[in-house]
Amino acid sequence: MAEEFPKPAEHSAAELHRALLERIPAVTGTTLDEWFKRLEAGPALERPEELAEWLTGEYELPDNYAEALVTEHERQRRFRATGQTPLDS
């Protein structure tokens, strides 16, 4: 009879995104604000996937960190443009 192992806890996409963002400054030595400034000063790419690829190539970031940074940058930019806060969404 095979031993049954407990299933790992399931995490929502929002929890995983938040956990990645919390790790980025410690792993990269660069604050989120500095990453966002780099995105704003970077190339004028339209698609988030292109921005993430640029971060990965330019700064040798792992794909998941680059994607999390682009997603959060876009999210915060939308909030600024609409005057909303993250709690409004």
N, C-alpha and C. Protein backbone atom coordinates (compact mmCIF):
# COMPACT_ATOMS: atom_id res chain seq x y z
N MET A 1 0.84 -1.17 0.00
CA MET A 1 0.00 0.00 0.00
C MET A 1 0.90 1.25 0.00
N ALA A 2 0.64 2.14 -0.93
CA ALA A 2 1.44 3.35 -1.08
C ALA A 2 1.13 4.33 0.04
N GLU A 3 2.19 4.95 0.52
CA GLU A 3 2.03 5.96 1.56
C GLU A 3 1.43 7.22 0.95
N GLU A 4 0.48 7.80 1.65
CA GLU A 4 -0.14 9.03 1.16
C GLU A 4 0.52 10.22 1.83
N PHE A 5 0.92 11.16 1.01
CA PHE A 5 1.53 12.38 1.51
C PHE A 5 0.51 13.51 1.46
N PRO A 6 0.58 14.40 2.42
CA PRO A 6 -0.37 15.52 2.38
C PRO A 6 -0.09 16.40 1.16
N LYS A 7 -1.15 16.94 0.61
CA LYS A 7 -1.00 17.83 -0.53
C LYS A 7 -0.43 19.15 -0.03
N PRO A 8 0.44 19.76 -0.83
CA PRO A 8 0.94 21.08 -0.43
C PRO A 8 -0.19 22.10 -0.44
N ALA A 9 -0.04 23.10 0.38
CA ALA A 9 -1.06 24.14 0.45
C ALA A 9 -1.17 24.84 -0.91
N GLU A 10 -2.39 25.14 -1.28
CA GLU A 10 -2.60 25.86 -2.54
C GLU A 10 -2.61 27.34 -2.23
N HIS A 11 -1.97 28.10 -3.10
CA HIS A 11 -1.90 29.53 -2.93
C HIS A 11 -2.55 30.21 -4.12
N SER A 12 -3.20 31.31 -3.86
CA SER A 12 -3.81 32.04 -4.96
C SER A 12 -2.73 32.75 -5.77
N ALA A 13 -3.09 33.15 -6.96
CA ALA A 13 -2.16 33.88 -7.82
C ALA A 13 -1.71 35.17 -7.13
N ALA A 14 -2.64 35.82 -6.44
CA ALA A 14 -2.30 37.07 -5.73
C ALA A 14 -1.28 36.82 -4.63
N GLU A 15 -1.42 35.72 -3.91
CA GLU A 15 -0.46 35.39 -2.85
C GLU A 15 0.93 35.09 -3.43
N LEU A 16 0.97 34.36 -4.52
CA LEU A 16 2.25 34.05 -5.15
C LEU A 16 2.91 35.32 -5.69
N HIS A 17 2.10 36.19 -6.28
CA HIS A 17 2.61 37.47 -6.80
C HIS A 17 3.20 38.29 -5.66
N ARG A 18 2.48 38.41 -4.57
CA ARG A 18 2.94 39.17 -3.41
C ARG A 18 4.24 38.57 -2.84
N ALA A 19 4.31 37.25 -2.78
CA ALA A 19 5.51 36.59 -2.25
C ALA A 19 6.72 36.86 -3.15
N LEU A 20 6.52 36.82 -4.46
CA LEU A 20 7.62 37.13 -5.38
C LEU A 20 8.10 38.56 -5.18
N LEU A 21 7.16 39.50 -5.09
CA LEU A 21 7.53 40.90 -4.91
C LEU A 21 8.30 41.12 -3.62
N GLU A 22 7.93 40.40 -2.57
CA GLU A 22 8.63 40.53 -1.29
C GLU A 22 10.07 40.01 -1.38
N ARG A 23 10.31 39.04 -2.23
CA ARG A 23 11.65 38.44 -2.36
C ARG A 23 12.58 39.24 -3.26
N ILE A 24 12.04 39.95 -4.22
CA ILE A 24 12.87 40.59 -5.25
C ILE A 24 13.93 41.51 -4.67
N PRO A 25 13.61 42.44 -3.74
CA PRO A 25 14.68 43.31 -3.22
C PRO A 25 15.81 42.54 -2.55
N ALA A 26 15.48 41.51 -1.78
CA ALA A 26 16.51 40.74 -1.08
C ALA A 26 17.38 39.95 -2.07
N VAL A 27 16.76 39.40 -3.08
CA VAL A 27 17.49 38.57 -4.03
C VAL A 27 18.32 39.41 -5.01
N THR A 28 17.77 40.57 -5.42
CA THR A 28 18.45 41.37 -6.44
C THR A 28 19.28 42.51 -5.87
N GLY A 29 19.01 42.89 -4.61
CA GLY A 29 19.70 44.04 -4.03
C GLY A 29 19.18 45.37 -4.56
N THR A 30 18.02 45.35 -5.20
CA THR A 30 17.42 46.54 -5.78
C THR A 30 15.98 46.65 -5.31
N THR A 31 15.59 47.85 -4.87
CA THR A 31 14.23 48.05 -4.38
C THR A 31 13.22 47.96 -5.52
N LEU A 32 11.97 47.74 -5.15
CA LEU A 32 10.91 47.72 -6.16
C LEU A 32 10.81 49.08 -6.85
N ASP A 33 10.91 50.16 -6.08
CA ASP A 33 10.84 51.50 -6.69
C ASP A 33 11.93 51.70 -7.74
N GLU A 34 13.12 51.19 -7.46
CA GLU A 34 14.21 51.32 -8.43
C GLU A 34 13.91 50.48 -9.67
N TRP A 35 13.36 49.29 -9.51
CA TRP A 35 12.98 48.48 -10.67
C TRP A 35 11.92 49.21 -11.49
N PHE A 36 10.95 49.84 -10.81
CA PHE A 36 9.90 50.56 -11.53
C PHE A 36 10.49 51.74 -12.31
N LYS A 37 11.47 52.42 -11.73
CA LYS A 37 12.14 53.51 -12.44
C LYS A 37 12.86 52.99 -13.67
N ARG A 38 13.46 51.83 -13.56
CA ARG A 38 14.15 51.23 -14.71
C ARG A 38 13.15 50.88 -15.81
N LEU A 39 11.99 50.39 -15.41
CA LEU A 39 10.95 50.09 -16.40
C LEU A 39 10.50 51.36 -17.10
N GLU A 40 10.31 52.43 -16.34
CA GLU A 40 9.85 53.69 -16.93
C GLU A 40 10.90 54.30 -17.85
N ALA A 41 12.18 54.11 -17.54
CA ALA A 41 13.26 54.65 -18.37
C ALA A 41 13.65 53.71 -19.50
N GLY A 42 13.11 52.52 -19.49
CA GLY A 42 13.47 51.52 -20.49
C GLY A 42 12.81 51.77 -21.83
N PRO A 43 12.91 50.81 -22.70
CA PRO A 43 12.37 50.97 -24.06
C PRO A 43 10.84 51.08 -24.03
N ALA A 44 10.30 51.74 -25.04
CA ALA A 44 8.85 51.94 -25.15
C ALA A 44 8.21 50.71 -25.78
N LEU A 45 8.13 49.67 -25.02
CA LEU A 45 7.51 48.43 -25.49
C LEU A 45 6.06 48.42 -25.01
N GLU A 46 5.17 47.89 -25.83
CA GLU A 46 3.75 47.94 -25.50
C GLU A 46 3.28 46.74 -24.70
N ARG A 47 3.74 45.57 -25.06
CA ARG A 47 3.22 44.37 -24.42
C ARG A 47 3.99 44.05 -23.15
N PRO A 48 3.28 43.65 -22.09
CA PRO A 48 3.97 43.28 -20.85
C PRO A 48 5.00 42.17 -21.05
N GLU A 49 4.71 41.24 -21.95
CA GLU A 49 5.64 40.14 -22.20
C GLU A 49 6.97 40.67 -22.75
N GLU A 50 6.90 41.70 -23.59
CA GLU A 50 8.11 42.30 -24.15
C GLU A 50 8.92 43.00 -23.06
N LEU A 51 8.23 43.71 -22.16
CA LEU A 51 8.92 44.37 -21.06
C LEU A 51 9.61 43.35 -20.15
N ALA A 52 8.91 42.25 -19.87
CA ALA A 52 9.51 41.21 -19.02
C ALA A 52 10.73 40.60 -19.71
N GLU A 53 10.64 40.36 -21.01
CA GLU A 53 11.78 39.83 -21.75
C GLU A 53 12.96 40.81 -21.72
N TRP A 54 12.65 42.10 -21.85
CA TRP A 54 13.70 43.12 -21.78
C TRP A 54 14.40 43.09 -20.42
N LEU A 55 13.61 43.06 -19.33
CA LEU A 55 14.20 43.00 -17.99
C LEU A 55 15.08 41.76 -17.83
N THR A 56 14.58 40.64 -18.32
CA THR A 56 15.33 39.39 -18.22
C THR A 56 16.66 39.50 -18.97
N GLY A 57 16.62 40.04 -20.16
CA GLY A 57 17.84 40.15 -20.96
C GLY A 57 18.79 41.23 -20.45
N GLU A 58 18.24 42.37 -20.08
CA GLU A 58 19.06 43.51 -19.67
C GLU A 58 19.69 43.32 -18.29
N TYR A 59 18.94 42.73 -17.38
CA TYR A 59 19.40 42.62 -15.98
C TYR A 59 19.57 41.19 -15.50
N GLU A 60 19.41 40.24 -16.41
CA GLU A 60 19.57 38.82 -16.08
C GLU A 60 18.67 38.37 -14.93
N LEU A 61 17.45 38.89 -14.92
CA LEU A 61 16.46 38.51 -13.92
C LEU A 61 15.81 37.19 -14.33
N PRO A 62 15.46 36.37 -13.37
CA PRO A 62 14.65 35.20 -13.70
C PRO A 62 13.30 35.65 -14.28
N ASP A 63 12.76 34.86 -15.17
CA ASP A 63 11.49 35.20 -15.83
C ASP A 63 10.38 35.55 -14.84
N ASN A 64 10.24 34.75 -13.79
CA ASN A 64 9.12 34.98 -12.87
C ASN A 64 9.26 36.31 -12.13
N TYR A 65 10.47 36.73 -11.81
CA TYR A 65 10.68 38.04 -11.17
C TYR A 65 10.35 39.16 -12.15
N ALA A 66 10.83 39.03 -13.38
CA ALA A 66 10.56 40.06 -14.39
C ALA A 66 9.07 40.20 -14.64
N GLU A 67 8.38 39.09 -14.75
CA GLU A 67 6.93 39.13 -14.98
C GLU A 67 6.20 39.76 -13.80
N ALA A 68 6.62 39.44 -12.58
CA ALA A 68 5.99 40.02 -11.39
C ALA A 68 6.23 41.53 -11.34
N LEU A 69 7.43 41.97 -11.67
CA LEU A 69 7.74 43.41 -11.67
C LEU A 69 6.89 44.15 -12.70
N VAL A 70 6.80 43.63 -13.90
CA VAL A 70 6.01 44.28 -14.95
C VAL A 70 4.54 44.32 -14.55
N THR A 71 4.02 43.22 -14.04
CA THR A 71 2.62 43.16 -13.63
C THR A 71 2.33 44.19 -12.54
N GLU A 72 3.21 44.26 -11.54
CA GLU A 72 2.99 45.21 -10.44
C GLU A 72 3.15 46.65 -10.92
N HIS A 73 4.11 46.91 -11.77
CA HIS A 73 4.30 48.25 -12.31
C HIS A 73 3.05 48.69 -13.06
N GLU A 74 2.53 47.84 -13.91
CA GLU A 74 1.32 48.17 -14.67
C GLU A 74 0.12 48.37 -13.74
N ARG A 75 0.02 47.55 -12.73
CA ARG A 75 -1.07 47.65 -11.75
C ARG A 75 -1.01 48.99 -11.04
N GLN A 76 0.15 49.36 -10.56
CA GLN A 76 0.29 50.63 -9.85
C GLN A 76 0.07 51.82 -10.78
N ARG A 77 0.49 51.71 -12.03
CA ARG A 77 0.27 52.77 -12.99
C ARG A 77 -1.22 52.98 -13.26
N ARG A 78 -1.96 51.88 -13.36
CA ARG A 78 -3.42 51.99 -13.54
C ARG A 78 -4.06 52.69 -12.35
N PHE A 79 -3.61 52.35 -11.14
CA PHE A 79 -4.17 52.99 -9.95
C PHE A 79 -3.90 54.48 -9.96
N ARG A 80 -2.68 54.87 -10.33
CA ARG A 80 -2.36 56.30 -10.39
C ARG A 80 -3.21 57.01 -11.44
N ALA A 81 -3.41 56.37 -12.58
CA ALA A 81 -4.15 56.99 -13.67
C ALA A 81 -5.63 57.16 -13.32
N THR A 82 -6.19 56.25 -12.55
CA THR A 82 -7.62 56.30 -12.23
C THR A 82 -7.90 56.91 -10.86
N GLY A 83 -6.84 57.18 -10.10
CA GLY A 83 -7.03 57.73 -8.76
C GLY A 83 -7.50 56.70 -7.75
N GLN A 84 -7.47 55.44 -8.12
CA GLN A 84 -7.88 54.38 -7.23
C GLN A 84 -6.72 53.97 -6.33
N THR A 85 -7.05 53.20 -5.33
CA THR A 85 -6.03 52.57 -4.49
C THR A 85 -6.22 51.06 -4.66
N PRO A 86 -5.22 50.27 -4.29
CA PRO A 86 -5.38 48.82 -4.41
C PRO A 86 -6.59 48.28 -3.67
N LEU A 87 -7.02 48.95 -2.62
CA LEU A 87 -8.18 48.49 -1.86
C LEU A 87 -9.49 48.73 -2.60
N ASP A 88 -9.50 49.65 -3.59
CA ASP A 88 -10.69 49.94 -4.36
C ASP A 88 -11.02 48.83 -5.37
N SER A 89 -10.02 48.08 -5.76
CA SER A 89 -10.24 47.09 -6.82
C SER A 89 -10.83 45.82 -6.28
